[in-house]
Structure formats: C-alpha cells, structure tokens
Amino acid sequence: MKLKQVSIFLENKKGRLWNALSILRESGMNIRALSIADTSEFGILRIIVPDPEKAKESLEAGNFVVKITDVIAVEVPDTPGGLEGILEVLNKSDTNVEYIYAFVEKKAEKAVVVLRTEDIDEGITALKEGGATVLSPEEIYEL
C-alpha cells in the first residue's frame, strides 16, 4: 500500500522548475500529483508518477538531485471535515504527519490525498484500523 514519491531538489533559479518538468515530459512521465515547497535558496518538488525509477534516472541524467520516498494515498470524504476525520485517526494513534498534499483527481465521491507520516507502516496501520481506505499504487495510476 506504499506509494513511491519522487522528490526533486531545485535551486531557486529561473527556469529550473521548467527544466525538470521538460525532462519528465521528454521521458513520457505523466504527473499524477505534485507539491512544491520552497525556501529562498531551493525548493523540493514532490511528484507521483507511474514509473518513479525511470523519472529518477531521467532527472539525475539532467543533473538534478532526486530521492524516492514512500508515501500513503488515502481516500478522503469530499465533504466539509473529511480531511479532518482522517487526521483525527492519525492523531488518536499518535502518528505524526510530516506533510500532506491533494491529488489531482477524485475517486467517486471521495477526494484523494497523499501524505507522509513519520513512520509509514504505522501510518498505514492506523488509517486502516481507523476505517480509512488506503489506495494501492495501481489504484492511483488507474484514476
């Protein structure tokens, strides 16, 4: 149930984000979800793609620093408080959430979010025990 996320470290320079996205396009990568966090000197572009290893290889060939990490994709009720309910499950299990971002598509009447917990296995267990639907990589790529 772990989803692979590609994290790309970007210098905060004109054209660097465009260059990374161009490399992904040229390698045939369809970005399913993304998030970017920045400081004054660098940013971290986090993406979900169908072939994380191919994306990593292509980006590294373009002189980017890239890391693949495990994250969790979970269905969230698409109603006011839906995300809060998922976070409540993690809070009650004392599972720390490092970051979270929304997925680009919806599944039925549910939204999909990607999250990283301090301990991925603990996060998956807590979510499942709390009644959440944790999505497999295959389910994410089929959306």
N, C-alpha and C. Protein backbone atom coordinates (compact mmCIF):
# COMPACT_ATOMS: atom_id res chain seq x y z
N MET A 1 0.82 -1.21 0.00
CA MET A 1 0.00 0.00 0.00
C MET A 1 0.86 1.27 0.00
N LYS A 2 2.16 1.11 -0.01
CA LYS A 2 3.04 2.27 -0.07
C LYS A 2 3.13 2.76 -1.51
N LEU A 3 3.09 4.05 -1.64
CA LEU A 3 3.19 4.70 -2.93
C LEU A 3 4.57 5.34 -3.00
N LYS A 4 5.22 5.26 -4.14
CA LYS A 4 6.54 5.87 -4.32
C LYS A 4 6.38 7.31 -4.80
N GLN A 5 7.08 8.20 -4.13
CA GLN A 5 7.07 9.62 -4.47
C GLN A 5 8.48 10.01 -4.91
N VAL A 6 8.57 10.83 -5.93
CA VAL A 6 9.86 11.33 -6.39
C VAL A 6 10.01 12.75 -5.88
N SER A 7 11.09 13.00 -5.15
CA SER A 7 11.39 14.35 -4.65
C SER A 7 12.59 14.89 -5.42
N ILE A 8 12.41 16.06 -6.00
CA ILE A 8 13.44 16.69 -6.81
C ILE A 8 13.87 17.98 -6.11
N PHE A 9 15.16 18.11 -5.87
CA PHE A 9 15.69 19.30 -5.22
C PHE A 9 16.05 20.31 -6.30
N LEU A 10 15.43 21.48 -6.21
CA LEU A 10 15.58 22.52 -7.23
C LEU A 10 16.25 23.75 -6.64
N GLU A 11 17.31 24.22 -7.28
CA GLU A 11 17.86 25.51 -6.89
C GLU A 11 16.81 26.56 -7.24
N ASN A 12 16.72 27.57 -6.42
CA ASN A 12 15.73 28.62 -6.66
C ASN A 12 16.29 29.58 -7.71
N LYS A 13 16.31 29.07 -8.96
CA LYS A 13 16.82 29.83 -10.10
C LYS A 13 15.81 29.78 -11.23
N LYS A 14 15.77 30.84 -12.00
CA LYS A 14 14.86 30.95 -13.13
C LYS A 14 15.04 29.75 -14.07
N GLY A 15 13.92 29.12 -14.43
CA GLY A 15 13.93 28.05 -15.41
C GLY A 15 14.19 26.66 -14.86
N ARG A 16 14.55 26.54 -13.60
CA ARG A 16 14.91 25.22 -13.06
C ARG A 16 13.70 24.30 -12.95
N LEU A 17 12.56 24.81 -12.51
CA LEU A 17 11.34 24.00 -12.46
C LEU A 17 10.92 23.58 -13.86
N TRP A 18 10.94 24.53 -14.79
CA TRP A 18 10.60 24.22 -16.17
C TRP A 18 11.50 23.13 -16.72
N ASN A 19 12.80 23.22 -16.44
CA ASN A 19 13.75 22.22 -16.92
C ASN A 19 13.41 20.83 -16.40
N ALA A 20 13.09 20.72 -15.12
CA ALA A 20 12.73 19.42 -14.53
C ALA A 20 11.47 18.87 -15.19
N LEU A 21 10.47 19.71 -15.38
CA LEU A 21 9.23 19.26 -16.00
C LEU A 21 9.43 18.90 -17.47
N SER A 22 10.33 19.58 -18.15
CA SER A 22 10.64 19.24 -19.54
C SER A 22 11.28 17.86 -19.63
N ILE A 23 12.18 17.57 -18.71
CA ILE A 23 12.82 16.25 -18.68
C ILE A 23 11.77 15.16 -18.45
N LEU A 24 10.85 15.41 -17.55
CA LEU A 24 9.79 14.42 -17.29
C LEU A 24 8.91 14.24 -18.52
N ARG A 25 8.56 15.31 -19.19
CA ARG A 25 7.76 15.20 -20.41
C ARG A 25 8.49 14.41 -21.47
N GLU A 26 9.77 14.71 -21.67
CA GLU A 26 10.56 14.02 -22.68
C GLU A 26 10.69 12.53 -22.39
N SER A 27 10.64 12.16 -21.12
CA SER A 27 10.75 10.74 -20.76
C SER A 27 9.37 10.07 -20.69
N GLY A 28 8.33 10.81 -21.07
CA GLY A 28 6.98 10.24 -21.12
C GLY A 28 6.29 10.11 -19.79
N MET A 29 6.71 10.89 -18.80
CA MET A 29 6.11 10.82 -17.47
C MET A 29 4.86 11.68 -17.37
N ASN A 30 3.77 11.07 -16.99
CA ASN A 30 2.53 11.79 -16.71
C ASN A 30 2.47 12.02 -15.20
N ILE A 31 2.50 13.26 -14.80
CA ILE A 31 2.48 13.59 -13.37
C ILE A 31 1.05 13.44 -12.86
N ARG A 32 0.88 12.59 -11.86
CA ARG A 32 -0.44 12.33 -11.27
C ARG A 32 -0.75 13.28 -10.13
N ALA A 33 0.26 13.70 -9.39
CA ALA A 33 0.09 14.64 -8.28
C ALA A 33 1.42 15.36 -8.08
N LEU A 34 1.34 16.57 -7.55
CA LEU A 34 2.59 17.28 -7.26
C LEU A 34 2.38 18.28 -6.14
N SER A 35 3.51 18.60 -5.53
CA SER A 35 3.55 19.60 -4.48
C SER A 35 4.93 20.24 -4.55
N ILE A 36 5.00 21.51 -4.25
CA ILE A 36 6.31 22.16 -4.20
C ILE A 36 6.39 23.00 -2.93
N ALA A 37 7.52 22.86 -2.27
CA ALA A 37 7.80 23.66 -1.07
C ALA A 37 9.11 24.39 -1.35
N ASP A 38 9.20 25.64 -0.90
CA ASP A 38 10.42 26.36 -1.22
C ASP A 38 10.94 27.18 -0.05
N THR A 39 12.21 27.49 -0.16
CA THR A 39 12.87 28.45 0.72
C THR A 39 13.48 29.49 -0.21
N SER A 40 14.24 30.40 0.31
CA SER A 40 14.84 31.42 -0.55
C SER A 40 15.91 30.85 -1.47
N GLU A 41 16.50 29.71 -1.11
CA GLU A 41 17.59 29.16 -1.91
C GLU A 41 17.25 27.92 -2.72
N PHE A 42 16.26 27.13 -2.28
CA PHE A 42 15.94 25.91 -3.02
C PHE A 42 14.49 25.52 -2.77
N GLY A 43 14.03 24.62 -3.60
CA GLY A 43 12.69 24.08 -3.45
C GLY A 43 12.73 22.56 -3.54
N ILE A 44 11.68 21.93 -3.08
CA ILE A 44 11.54 20.50 -3.23
C ILE A 44 10.24 20.27 -3.98
N LEU A 45 10.36 19.69 -5.17
CA LEU A 45 9.22 19.32 -5.98
C LEU A 45 8.93 17.85 -5.69
N ARG A 46 7.75 17.58 -5.16
CA ARG A 46 7.35 16.20 -4.88
C ARG A 46 6.30 15.80 -5.90
N ILE A 47 6.53 14.66 -6.56
CA ILE A 47 5.61 14.23 -7.60
C ILE A 47 5.29 12.74 -7.46
N ILE A 48 4.11 12.39 -7.97
CA ILE A 48 3.70 11.00 -8.10
C ILE A 48 3.61 10.73 -9.60
N VAL A 49 4.37 9.75 -10.06
CA VAL A 49 4.38 9.36 -11.47
C VAL A 49 4.29 7.84 -11.55
N PRO A 50 3.81 7.30 -12.68
CA PRO A 50 3.66 5.85 -12.80
C PRO A 50 4.96 5.06 -12.73
N ASP A 51 6.09 5.65 -13.13
CA ASP A 51 7.37 4.94 -13.12
C ASP A 51 8.42 5.79 -12.40
N PRO A 52 8.43 5.72 -11.06
CA PRO A 52 9.35 6.57 -10.28
C PRO A 52 10.83 6.33 -10.60
N GLU A 53 11.21 5.09 -10.84
CA GLU A 53 12.62 4.80 -11.13
C GLU A 53 13.06 5.43 -12.45
N LYS A 54 12.21 5.36 -13.47
CA LYS A 54 12.53 5.97 -14.76
C LYS A 54 12.61 7.49 -14.61
N ALA A 55 11.70 8.07 -13.85
CA ALA A 55 11.72 9.51 -13.62
C ALA A 55 13.02 9.91 -12.91
N LYS A 56 13.40 9.15 -11.90
CA LYS A 56 14.63 9.43 -11.15
C LYS A 56 15.85 9.37 -12.06
N GLU A 57 15.92 8.33 -12.86
CA GLU A 57 17.04 8.15 -13.77
C GLU A 57 17.12 9.31 -14.78
N SER A 58 16.01 9.69 -15.35
CA SER A 58 15.97 10.79 -16.32
C SER A 58 16.38 12.11 -15.68
N LEU A 59 15.87 12.38 -14.51
CA LEU A 59 16.18 13.64 -13.82
C LEU A 59 17.65 13.69 -13.39
N GLU A 60 18.16 12.58 -12.89
CA GLU A 60 19.58 12.55 -12.50
C GLU A 60 20.49 12.76 -13.70
N ALA A 61 20.08 12.23 -14.86
CA ALA A 61 20.85 12.46 -16.09
C ALA A 61 20.85 13.95 -16.45
N GLY A 62 19.83 14.67 -16.02
CA GLY A 62 19.74 16.11 -16.24
C GLY A 62 20.33 16.93 -15.11
N ASN A 63 21.13 16.28 -14.25
CA ASN A 63 21.85 16.93 -13.15
C ASN A 63 20.96 17.44 -12.02
N PHE A 64 19.88 16.71 -11.76
CA PHE A 64 19.04 17.02 -10.60
C PHE A 64 19.35 16.03 -9.49
N VAL A 65 19.22 16.49 -8.26
CA VAL A 65 19.32 15.61 -7.10
C VAL A 65 17.91 15.09 -6.83
N VAL A 66 17.77 13.77 -6.80
CA VAL A 66 16.46 13.14 -6.72
C VAL A 66 16.45 12.06 -5.65
N LYS A 67 15.35 11.95 -4.96
CA LYS A 67 15.18 10.91 -3.93
C LYS A 67 13.79 10.30 -4.09
N ILE A 68 13.70 9.00 -3.90
CA ILE A 68 12.41 8.32 -3.91
C ILE A 68 12.06 7.95 -2.47
N THR A 69 10.85 8.33 -2.05
CA THR A 69 10.40 8.02 -0.70
C THR A 69 9.01 7.39 -0.75
N ASP A 70 8.66 6.72 0.32
CA ASP A 70 7.34 6.13 0.43
C ASP A 70 6.36 7.14 1.02
N VAL A 71 5.16 7.16 0.45
CA VAL A 71 4.07 7.98 0.96
C VAL A 71 2.80 7.14 0.95
N ILE A 72 1.73 7.69 1.46
CA ILE A 72 0.45 6.99 1.54
C ILE A 72 -0.58 7.79 0.75
N ALA A 73 -1.37 7.10 -0.06
CA ALA A 73 -2.51 7.73 -0.73
C ALA A 73 -3.76 7.21 -0.04
N VAL A 74 -4.62 8.11 0.34
CA VAL A 74 -5.81 7.73 1.09
C VAL A 74 -7.04 8.47 0.55
N GLU A 75 -8.16 7.76 0.52
CA GLU A 75 -9.42 8.40 0.16
C GLU A 75 -9.87 9.26 1.33
N VAL A 76 -10.42 10.40 0.97
CA VAL A 76 -10.94 11.32 1.97
C VAL A 76 -12.35 11.70 1.55
N PRO A 77 -13.30 11.64 2.47
CA PRO A 77 -14.65 12.07 2.11
C PRO A 77 -14.64 13.50 1.57
N ASP A 78 -15.27 13.71 0.43
CA ASP A 78 -15.29 15.04 -0.19
C ASP A 78 -16.44 15.86 0.40
N THR A 79 -16.33 16.11 1.70
CA THR A 79 -17.31 16.88 2.45
C THR A 79 -16.56 17.75 3.45
N PRO A 80 -17.19 18.79 3.95
CA PRO A 80 -16.55 19.59 4.99
C PRO A 80 -16.13 18.69 6.16
N GLY A 81 -14.88 18.77 6.57
CA GLY A 81 -14.38 17.97 7.68
C GLY A 81 -13.84 16.61 7.26
N GLY A 82 -13.91 16.27 5.98
CA GLY A 82 -13.43 14.97 5.52
C GLY A 82 -11.96 14.74 5.84
N LEU A 83 -11.13 15.70 5.53
CA LEU A 83 -9.70 15.58 5.81
C LEU A 83 -9.44 15.58 7.31
N GLU A 84 -10.19 16.38 8.03
CA GLU A 84 -10.03 16.43 9.49
C GLU A 84 -10.28 15.06 10.11
N GLY A 85 -11.23 14.31 9.57
CA GLY A 85 -11.51 12.97 10.09
C GLY A 85 -10.34 12.02 9.91
N ILE A 86 -9.68 12.10 8.76
CA ILE A 86 -8.50 11.27 8.50
C ILE A 86 -7.37 11.67 9.46
N LEU A 87 -7.18 12.96 9.62
CA LEU A 87 -6.12 13.43 10.52
C LEU A 87 -6.43 13.09 11.98
N GLU A 88 -7.71 13.05 12.33
CA GLU A 88 -8.10 12.65 13.69
C GLU A 88 -7.68 11.20 13.96
N VAL A 89 -7.86 10.33 12.97
CA VAL A 89 -7.45 8.92 13.11
C VAL A 89 -5.95 8.86 13.40
N LEU A 90 -5.18 9.60 12.65
CA LEU A 90 -3.72 9.60 12.86
C LEU A 90 -3.34 10.22 14.19
N ASN A 91 -4.04 11.29 14.57
CA ASN A 91 -3.77 11.94 15.85
C ASN A 91 -4.05 11.00 17.02
N LYS A 92 -5.17 10.28 16.95
CA LYS A 92 -5.52 9.36 18.04
C LYS A 92 -4.53 8.21 18.17
N SER A 93 -3.89 7.85 17.07
CA SER A 93 -2.89 6.78 17.12
C SER A 93 -1.49 7.33 17.39
N ASP A 94 -1.40 8.63 17.65
CA ASP A 94 -0.13 9.30 17.93
C ASP A 94 0.85 9.18 16.77
N THR A 95 0.30 9.25 15.53
CA THR A 95 1.12 9.17 14.32
C THR A 95 1.36 10.57 13.79
N ASN A 96 2.62 10.94 13.67
CA ASN A 96 2.99 12.27 13.21
C ASN A 96 2.90 12.37 11.69
N VAL A 97 2.23 13.41 11.20
CA VAL A 97 2.14 13.68 9.77
C VAL A 97 3.22 14.71 9.43
N GLU A 98 4.12 14.35 8.51
CA GLU A 98 5.18 15.27 8.11
C GLU A 98 4.69 16.28 7.08
N TYR A 99 3.92 15.80 6.10
CA TYR A 99 3.33 16.70 5.12
C TYR A 99 2.19 15.99 4.41
N ILE A 100 1.40 16.79 3.70
CA ILE A 100 0.22 16.28 3.01
C ILE A 100 -0.05 17.17 1.81
N TYR A 101 -0.54 16.57 0.72
CA TYR A 101 -0.98 17.37 -0.41
C TYR A 101 -2.10 16.64 -1.15
N ALA A 102 -2.86 17.41 -1.90
CA ALA A 102 -4.03 16.86 -2.59
C ALA A 102 -3.62 16.18 -3.88
N PHE A 103 -4.40 15.21 -4.25
CA PHE A 103 -4.24 14.51 -5.51
C PHE A 103 -5.03 15.26 -6.57
N VAL A 104 -4.66 15.09 -7.82
CA VAL A 104 -5.28 15.89 -8.88
C VAL A 104 -6.65 15.40 -9.31
N GLU A 105 -7.06 14.20 -8.96
CA GLU A 105 -8.35 13.68 -9.39
C GLU A 105 -9.15 13.21 -8.20
N LYS A 106 -10.41 12.98 -8.46
CA LYS A 106 -11.31 12.47 -7.44
C LYS A 106 -11.69 11.04 -7.79
N LYS A 107 -11.94 10.26 -6.78
CA LYS A 107 -12.38 8.88 -6.96
C LYS A 107 -13.80 8.81 -6.41
N ALA A 108 -14.76 8.65 -7.31
CA ALA A 108 -16.18 8.62 -6.94
C ALA A 108 -16.53 9.89 -6.16
N GLU A 109 -17.08 9.73 -4.97
CA GLU A 109 -17.43 10.88 -4.13
C GLU A 109 -16.37 11.17 -3.09
N LYS A 110 -15.19 10.67 -3.36
CA LYS A 110 -14.07 10.86 -2.43
C LYS A 110 -12.98 11.67 -3.12
N ALA A 111 -12.26 12.43 -2.33
CA ALA A 111 -11.04 13.08 -2.80
C ALA A 111 -9.89 12.14 -2.46
N VAL A 112 -8.74 12.37 -3.03
CA VAL A 112 -7.57 11.57 -2.72
C VAL A 112 -6.48 12.51 -2.25
N VAL A 113 -5.84 12.19 -1.13
CA VAL A 113 -4.70 12.96 -0.65
C VAL A 113 -3.50 12.05 -0.50
N VAL A 114 -2.34 12.65 -0.63
CA VAL A 114 -1.06 11.96 -0.42
C VAL A 114 -0.50 12.50 0.87
N LEU A 115 -0.04 11.60 1.72
CA LEU A 115 0.57 12.06 2.97
C LEU A 115 1.78 11.23 3.33
N ARG A 116 2.65 11.87 4.05
CA ARG A 116 3.87 11.23 4.54
C ARG A 116 3.80 11.29 6.06
N THR A 117 3.89 10.13 6.68
CA THR A 117 3.94 10.06 8.14
C THR A 117 5.36 9.74 8.56
N GLU A 118 5.66 10.06 9.80
CA GLU A 118 7.00 9.81 10.32
C GLU A 118 7.35 8.33 10.16
N ASP A 119 6.41 7.45 10.40
CA ASP A 119 6.57 6.01 10.22
C ASP A 119 5.46 5.56 9.26
N ILE A 120 5.84 5.23 8.04
CA ILE A 120 4.85 4.88 7.00
C ILE A 120 4.02 3.67 7.39
N ASP A 121 4.65 2.61 7.87
CA ASP A 121 3.91 1.41 8.25
C ASP A 121 2.91 1.69 9.36
N GLU A 122 3.35 2.49 10.34
CA GLU A 122 2.46 2.89 11.44
C GLU A 122 1.28 3.70 10.91
N GLY A 123 1.56 4.59 9.95
CA GLY A 123 0.50 5.40 9.36
C GLY A 123 -0.53 4.57 8.61
N ILE A 124 -0.04 3.60 7.83
CA ILE A 124 -0.95 2.72 7.08
C ILE A 124 -1.81 1.91 8.05
N THR A 125 -1.18 1.34 9.06
CA THR A 125 -1.92 0.55 10.05
C THR A 125 -2.98 1.39 10.74
N ALA A 126 -2.61 2.58 11.19
CA ALA A 126 -3.56 3.46 11.89
C ALA A 126 -4.73 3.82 10.99
N LEU A 127 -4.44 4.15 9.75
CA LEU A 127 -5.51 4.53 8.83
C LEU A 127 -6.46 3.37 8.57
N LYS A 128 -5.91 2.20 8.33
CA LYS A 128 -6.75 1.03 8.08
C LYS A 128 -7.59 0.68 9.31
N GLU A 129 -6.97 0.68 10.48
CA GLU A 129 -7.70 0.38 11.71
C GLU A 129 -8.77 1.44 11.99
N GLY A 130 -8.54 2.67 11.51
CA GLY A 130 -9.50 3.75 11.70
C GLY A 130 -10.58 3.78 10.64
N GLY A 131 -10.56 2.79 9.74
CA GLY A 131 -11.60 2.69 8.72
C GLY A 131 -11.35 3.45 7.44
N ALA A 132 -10.16 4.01 7.28
CA ALA A 132 -9.84 4.75 6.06
C ALA A 132 -9.49 3.78 4.93
N THR A 133 -9.67 4.24 3.71
CA THR A 133 -9.31 3.45 2.54
C THR A 133 -7.96 3.92 2.04
N VAL A 134 -6.94 3.08 2.25
CA VAL A 134 -5.60 3.36 1.75
C VAL A 134 -5.52 2.76 0.35
N LEU A 135 -5.10 3.56 -0.60
CA LEU A 135 -5.07 3.15 -2.00
C LEU A 135 -3.72 2.56 -2.40
N SER A 136 -3.75 1.57 -3.25
CA SER A 136 -2.52 0.96 -3.75
C SER A 136 -1.97 1.80 -4.90
N PRO A 137 -0.69 1.63 -5.22
CA PRO A 137 -0.13 2.34 -6.38
C PRO A 137 -0.93 2.08 -7.66
N GLU A 138 -1.36 0.86 -7.85
CA GLU A 138 -2.13 0.52 -9.06
C GLU A 138 -3.43 1.31 -9.12
N GLU A 139 -4.09 1.46 -7.99
CA GLU A 139 -5.34 2.23 -7.96
C GLU A 139 -5.08 3.71 -8.30
N ILE A 140 -3.98 4.24 -7.84
CA ILE A 140 -3.63 5.63 -8.10
C ILE A 140 -3.38 5.85 -9.59
N TYR A 141 -2.64 4.97 -10.22
CA TYR A 141 -2.31 5.14 -11.62
C TYR A 141 -3.50 4.90 -12.54
N GLU A 142 -4.54 4.22 -12.05
CA GLU A 142 -5.73 3.96 -12.85
C GLU A 142 -6.75 5.09 -12.75
N LEU A 143 -6.60 5.99 -11.78
CA LEU A 143 -7.55 7.10 -11.61
C LEU A 143 -7.52 8.03 -12.81
